[in-house]
C-alpha atoms as a PDB file:
ATOM      1  CA  MET A   1       2.159   2.372  18.777  1.00  0.00           C
ATOM      2  CA  LYS A   2       4.743   0.088  17.223  1.00  0.00           C
ATOM      3  CA  ILE A   3       3.934  -0.610  13.574  1.00  0.00           C
ATOM      4  CA  ARG A   4       6.234  -2.678  11.360  1.00  0.00           C
ATOM      5  CA  VAL A   5       5.919  -1.683   7.695  1.00  0.00           C
ATOM      6  CA  GLY A   6       6.849  -3.310   4.401  1.00  0.00           C
ATOM      7  CA  ILE A   7       6.908  -1.313   1.175  1.00  0.00           C
ATOM      8  CA  ILE A   8       6.696  -2.748  -2.337  1.00  0.00           C
ATOM      9  CA  VAL A   9       7.211  -0.480  -5.347  1.00  0.00           C
ATOM     10  CA  LEU A  10       6.054  -1.703  -8.749  1.00  0.00           C
ATOM     11  CA  SER A  11       7.913   0.019 -11.572  1.00  0.00           C
ATOM     12  CA  ASP A  12       9.418  -1.603 -14.631  1.00  0.00           C
ATOM     13  CA  LYS A  13      11.804   1.327 -15.188  1.00  0.00           C
ATOM     14  CA  ALA A  14      12.945   1.581 -11.559  1.00  0.00           C
ATOM     15  CA  ALA A  15      13.425  -2.201 -11.364  1.00  0.00           C
ATOM     16  CA  ARG A  16      15.637  -2.050 -14.473  1.00  0.00           C
ATOM     17  CA  GLY A  17      17.609   0.910 -13.090  1.00  0.00           C
ATOM     18  CA  GLU A  18      16.390   3.239 -15.854  1.00  0.00           C
ATOM     19  CA  ARG A  19      14.758   5.601 -13.374  1.00  0.00           C
ATOM     20  CA  GLU A  20      15.337   6.319  -9.720  1.00  0.00           C
ATOM     21  CA  ASP A  21      12.408   5.302  -7.566  1.00  0.00           C
ATOM     22  CA  ALA A  22      10.913   8.243  -5.680  1.00  0.00           C
ATOM     23  CA  SER A  23       7.888   6.490  -4.148  1.00  0.00           C
ATOM     24  CA  GLY A  24       9.722   4.066  -1.865  1.00  0.00           C
ATOM     25  CA  PRO A  25      11.943   6.694  -0.221  1.00  0.00           C
ATOM     26  CA  LEU A  26       8.961   9.036   0.159  1.00  0.00           C
ATOM     27  CA  LEU A  27       6.881   6.342   1.845  1.00  0.00           C
ATOM     28  CA  LYS A  28       9.811   5.470   4.109  1.00  0.00           C
ATOM     29  CA  GLU A  29      10.136   9.126   5.132  1.00  0.00           C
ATOM     30  CA  LEU A  30       6.393   9.493   5.820  1.00  0.00           C
ATOM     31  CA  VAL A  31       6.217   6.217   7.763  1.00  0.00           C
ATOM     32  CA  SER A  32       9.324   7.078   9.790  1.00  0.00           C
ATOM     33  CA  ARG A  33       7.863  10.463  10.762  1.00  0.00           C
ATOM     34  CA  GLU A  34       5.020   8.576  12.437  1.00  0.00           C
ATOM     35  CA  GLY A  35       7.529   6.547  14.451  1.00  0.00           C
ATOM     36  CA  TRP A  36       6.743   3.362  12.528  1.00  0.00           C
ATOM     37  CA  LYS A  37       9.550   1.049  11.421  1.00  0.00           C
ATOM     38  CA  VAL A  38      10.177   0.205   7.772  1.00  0.00           C
ATOM     39  CA  GLU A  39      11.359  -3.389   7.650  1.00  0.00           C
ATOM     40  CA  GLU A  40      12.061  -3.535   3.930  1.00  0.00           C
ATOM     41  CA  ILE A  41      11.533  -1.730   0.630  1.00  0.00           C
ATOM     42  CA  ILE A  42      11.304  -3.974  -2.428  1.00  0.00           C
ATOM     43  CA  VAL A  43      11.349  -2.553  -5.971  1.00  0.00           C
ATOM     44  CA  LEU A  44       9.937  -4.901  -8.605  1.00  0.00           C
ATOM     45  CA  PRO A  45       8.869  -4.900 -12.238  1.00  0.00           C
ATOM     46  CA  ASP A  46       5.129  -5.129 -12.908  1.00  0.00           C
ATOM     47  CA  GLU A  47       5.033  -8.926 -12.927  1.00  0.00           C
ATOM     48  CA  LYS A  48       2.590 -11.147 -11.087  1.00  0.00           C
ATOM     49  CA  GLN A  49       4.869 -13.810  -9.600  1.00  0.00           C
ATOM     50  CA  GLY A  50       7.412 -11.344  -8.226  1.00  0.00           C
ATOM     51  CA  LEU A  51       4.695  -9.285  -6.551  1.00  0.00           C
ATOM     52  CA  LEU A  52       2.946 -12.365  -5.202  1.00  0.00           C
ATOM     53  CA  ASN A  53       6.210 -13.673  -3.733  1.00  0.00           C
ATOM     54  CA  ALA A  54       7.033 -10.282  -2.158  1.00  0.00           C
ATOM     55  CA  LEU A  55       3.564  -9.930  -0.612  1.00  0.00           C
ATOM     56  CA  LEU A  56       3.768 -13.399   0.911  1.00  0.00           C
ATOM     57  CA  GLU A  57       7.337 -12.863   2.133  1.00  0.00           C
ATOM     58  CA  LEU A  58       6.532  -9.614   3.931  1.00  0.00           C
ATOM     59  CA  ILE A  59       3.220 -10.801   5.392  1.00  0.00           C
ATOM     60  CA  ASP A  60       3.575 -14.524   6.017  1.00  0.00           C
ATOM     61  CA  ARG A  61       7.264 -14.683   6.908  1.00  0.00           C
ATOM     62  CA  GLN A  62       8.279 -11.211   8.108  1.00  0.00           C
ATOM     63  CA  LYS A  63       4.828 -10.589   9.624  1.00  0.00           C
ATOM     64  CA  VAL A  64       4.681  -6.843   8.937  1.00  0.00           C
ATOM     65  CA  ASP A  65       1.688  -5.023  10.394  1.00  0.00           C
ATOM     66  CA  LEU A  66       1.265  -2.782   7.358  1.00  0.00           C
ATOM     67  CA  LEU A  67       2.181  -3.440   3.767  1.00  0.00           C
ATOM     68  CA  LEU A  68       2.093  -0.462   1.411  1.00  0.00           C
ATOM     69  CA  THR A  69       2.377  -0.976  -2.320  1.00  0.00           C
ATOM     70  CA  SER A  70       3.081   1.844  -4.756  1.00  0.00           C
ATOM     71  CA  GLY A  71       2.403   1.602  -8.465  1.00  0.00           C
ATOM     72  CA  GLY A  72       0.642  -0.766 -10.799  1.00  0.00           C
ATOM     73  CA  THR A  73      -2.840   0.439  -9.843  1.00  0.00           C
ATOM     74  CA  GLY A  74      -3.900   2.099 -13.087  1.00  0.00           C
ATOM     75  CA  PRO A  75      -5.842   0.593 -15.997  1.00  0.00           C
ATOM     76  CA  GLY A  76      -2.725   0.093 -18.131  1.00  0.00           C
ATOM     77  CA  PRO A  77      -1.823  -3.265 -19.668  1.00  0.00           C
ATOM     78  CA  ARG A  78       0.987  -4.000 -17.132  1.00  0.00           C
ATOM     79  CA  ASP A  79      -0.867  -2.693 -14.057  1.00  0.00           C
ATOM     80  CA  ILE A  80      -1.513  -5.811 -11.951  1.00  0.00           C
ATOM     81  CA  THR A  81      -1.214  -4.742  -8.320  1.00  0.00           C
ATOM     82  CA  PRO A  82      -4.947  -4.840  -7.434  1.00  0.00           C
ATOM     83  CA  GLU A  83      -5.448  -8.263  -8.991  1.00  0.00           C
ATOM     84  CA  VAL A  84      -2.448  -9.798  -7.216  1.00  0.00           C
ATOM     85  CA  THR A  85      -3.459  -8.137  -3.959  1.00  0.00           C
ATOM     86  CA  ALA A  86      -6.946  -9.648  -4.335  1.00  0.00           C
ATOM     87  CA  GLU A  87      -5.356 -13.107  -4.518  1.00  0.00           C
ATOM     88  CA  VAL A  88      -3.724 -12.751  -1.091  1.00  0.00           C
ATOM     89  CA  ILE A  89      -6.213 -10.772   0.989  1.00  0.00           C
ATOM     90  CA  GLU A  90      -8.595 -12.647   3.268  1.00  0.00           C
ATOM     91  CA  LYS A  91     -10.811  -9.663   4.123  1.00  0.00           C
ATOM     92  CA  ASP A  92     -11.518  -6.712   1.879  1.00  0.00           C
ATOM     93  CA  VAL A  93     -11.281  -3.254   3.484  1.00  0.00           C
ATOM     94  CA  SER A  94     -12.636  -1.336   0.521  1.00  0.00           C
ATOM     95  CA  GLY A  95     -13.361   1.854   2.450  1.00  0.00           C
ATOM     96  CA  ILE A  96      -9.667   2.785   2.548  1.00  0.00           C
ATOM     97  CA  ALA A  97      -9.268   2.529  -1.228  1.00  0.00           C
ATOM     98  CA  GLU A  98     -12.567   4.361  -1.743  1.00  0.00           C
ATOM     99  CA  ILE A  99     -11.606   7.336   0.442  1.00  0.00           C
ATOM    100  CA  LEU A 100      -8.193   7.578  -1.208  1.00  0.00           C
ATOM    101  CA  ARG A 101      -9.837   7.756  -4.644  1.00  0.00           C
ATOM    102  CA  LEU A 102     -12.344  10.341  -3.410  1.00  0.00           C
ATOM    103  CA  LYS A 103      -9.665  12.529  -1.828  1.00  0.00           C
ATOM    104  CA  GLY A 104      -7.531  12.162  -4.943  1.00  0.00           C
ATOM    105  CA  TYR A 105     -10.455  13.132  -7.154  1.00  0.00           C
ATOM    106  CA  GLU A 106     -10.859  16.340  -5.162  1.00  0.00           C
ATOM    107  CA  LYS A 107      -7.347  17.316  -6.330  1.00  0.00           C
ATOM    108  CA  ILE A 108      -7.232  15.740  -9.790  1.00  0.00           C
ATOM    109  CA  PRO A 109     -10.223  14.053 -11.479  1.00  0.00           C
ATOM    110  CA  THR A 110      -8.143  11.300 -13.104  1.00  0.00           C
ATOM    111  CA  ALA A 111      -7.452   9.868  -9.621  1.00  0.00           C
ATOM    112  CA  VAL A 112     -10.603   7.780 -10.137  1.00  0.00           C
ATOM    113  CA  LEU A 113      -8.581   5.689 -12.608  1.00  0.00           C
ATOM    114  CA  SER A 114      -6.644   4.197  -9.699  1.00  0.00           C
ATOM    115  CA  ARG A 115      -7.870   0.688  -8.994  1.00  0.00           C
ATOM    116  CA  GLY A 116      -6.010   0.246  -5.720  1.00  0.00           C
ATOM    117  CA  ARG A 117      -7.348  -2.184  -3.138  1.00  0.00           C
ATOM    118  CA  SER A 118      -7.010  -2.547   0.602  1.00  0.00           C
ATOM    119  CA  GLY A 119      -7.480  -5.573   2.727  1.00  0.00           C
ATOM    120  CA  VAL A 120      -6.225  -7.859   5.446  1.00  0.00           C
ATOM    121  CA  ARG A 121      -4.197 -11.044   5.311  1.00  0.00           C
ATOM    122  CA  LYS A 122      -3.544 -12.717   8.651  1.00  0.00           C
ATOM    123  CA  GLU A 123      -2.686  -9.754  10.922  1.00  0.00           C
ATOM    124  CA  SER A 124      -1.397  -7.469   8.157  1.00  0.00           C
ATOM    125  CA  LEU A 125      -3.172  -4.526   6.558  1.00  0.00           C
ATOM    126  CA  ILE A 126      -2.394  -4.103   2.849  1.00  0.00           C
ATOM    127  CA  ILE A 127      -2.960  -0.786   1.065  1.00  0.00           C
ATOM    128  CA  ASN A 128      -2.313  -0.222  -2.648  1.00  0.00           C
ATOM    129  CA  LEU A 129      -1.213   3.309  -3.525  1.00  0.00           C
ATOM    130  CA  PRO A 130      -0.582   4.897  -6.900  1.00  0.00           C
ATOM    131  CA  GLY A 131       3.024   5.167  -8.070  1.00  0.00           C
ATOM    132  CA  SER A 132       2.983   8.949  -8.188  1.00  0.00           C
ATOM    133  CA  PRO A 133       4.798  10.683  -5.317  1.00  0.00           C
ATOM    134  CA  ARG A 134       2.237  13.497  -5.576  1.00  0.00           C
ATOM    135  CA  ALA A 135      -0.633  11.021  -5.119  1.00  0.00           C
ATOM    136  CA  ILE A 136       1.153   9.472  -2.135  1.00  0.00           C
ATOM    137  CA  GLN A 137       1.603  12.920  -0.535  1.00  0.00           C
ATOM    138  CA  GLN A 138      -2.103  13.656  -1.076  1.00  0.00           C
ATOM    139  CA  SER A 139      -3.129  10.304   0.408  1.00  0.00           C
ATOM    140  CA  TRP A 140      -0.907  10.436   3.471  1.00  0.00           C
ATOM    141  CA  PRO A 141      -2.976  12.762   5.705  1.00  0.00           C
ATOM    142  CA  VAL A 142      -5.906  10.344   5.391  1.00  0.00           C
ATOM    143  CA  LEU A 143      -3.762   7.256   5.930  1.00  0.00           C
ATOM    144  CA  ARG A 144      -1.911   8.522   8.972  1.00  0.00           C
ATOM    145  CA  GLU A 145      -5.268   9.090  10.687  1.00  0.00           C
ATOM    146  CA  ILE A 146      -6.682   5.661   9.783  1.00  0.00           C
ATOM    147  CA  ILE A 147      -3.733   3.276  10.064  1.00  0.00           C
ATOM    148  CA  PRO A 148      -3.077   3.136  13.835  1.00  0.00           C
ATOM    149  CA  HIS A 149      -6.684   2.257  14.666  1.00  0.00           C
ATOM    150  CA  ALA A 150      -6.968  -0.079  11.682  1.00  0.00           C
ATOM    151  CA  ILE A 151      -3.897  -1.983  12.880  1.00  0.00           C
ATOM    152  CA  GLU A 152      -5.393  -2.273  16.383  1.00  0.00           C
ATOM    153  CA  VAL A 153      -8.600  -3.704  14.896  1.00  0.00           C
ATOM    154  CA  VAL A 154      -6.689  -6.143  12.665  1.00  0.00           C
ATOM    155  CA  ARG A 155      -4.657  -7.315  15.681  1.00  0.00           C
ATOM    156  CA  GLY A 156      -7.848  -7.797  17.708  1.00  0.00           C
ATOM    157  CA  GLU A 157      -6.827  -5.088  20.181  1.00  0.00           C
ATOM    158  CA  ALA A 158      -9.784  -2.824  19.319  1.00  0.00           C
ATOM    159  CA  HIS A 159     -13.241  -3.761  18.183  1.00  0.00           C
ATOM    160  CA  GLU A 160     -14.850  -0.572  16.993  1.00  0.00           C
ATOM    161  CA  CYS A 161     -14.419   0.375  13.363  1.00  0.00           C
ATOM    162  CA  GLY A 162     -16.032   3.781  13.813  1.00  0.00           C
ATOM    163  CA  GLU A 163     -19.255   2.753  12.138  1.00  0.00           C
END
């Protein structure tokens, strides 16, 4: 299945060049292993307008099938990814975020602090992931099983959600 992917990394330090981003390259590697195509990786500071613009660019103009965000999901004062994501999604797909928190909790209890969201805008599935490469690695086995069917449902190519 052809899946076009956009990746947005939220990290003040990586955006300023004070730290090398590890999440974006890791997500690109994982996505590429599935045979999906990464259209763009955008690294941004934790700021609302920049994230909002990037989400709309990748979904509304580039029309990616899957948009993965990394970072900005915690309860910290600059963590804004879930709130900005909520502004753009048209349909909430909370089960994805819930299972990622549950699976994360099984490895490390503080995973429940992640406030990531998932949802649909137009024909794009958006999934917020933590900024930790370890958390991304732990989440990937779940995601790789869900995403192809989820994309088919979002596109209107499949109608069963496995309920």
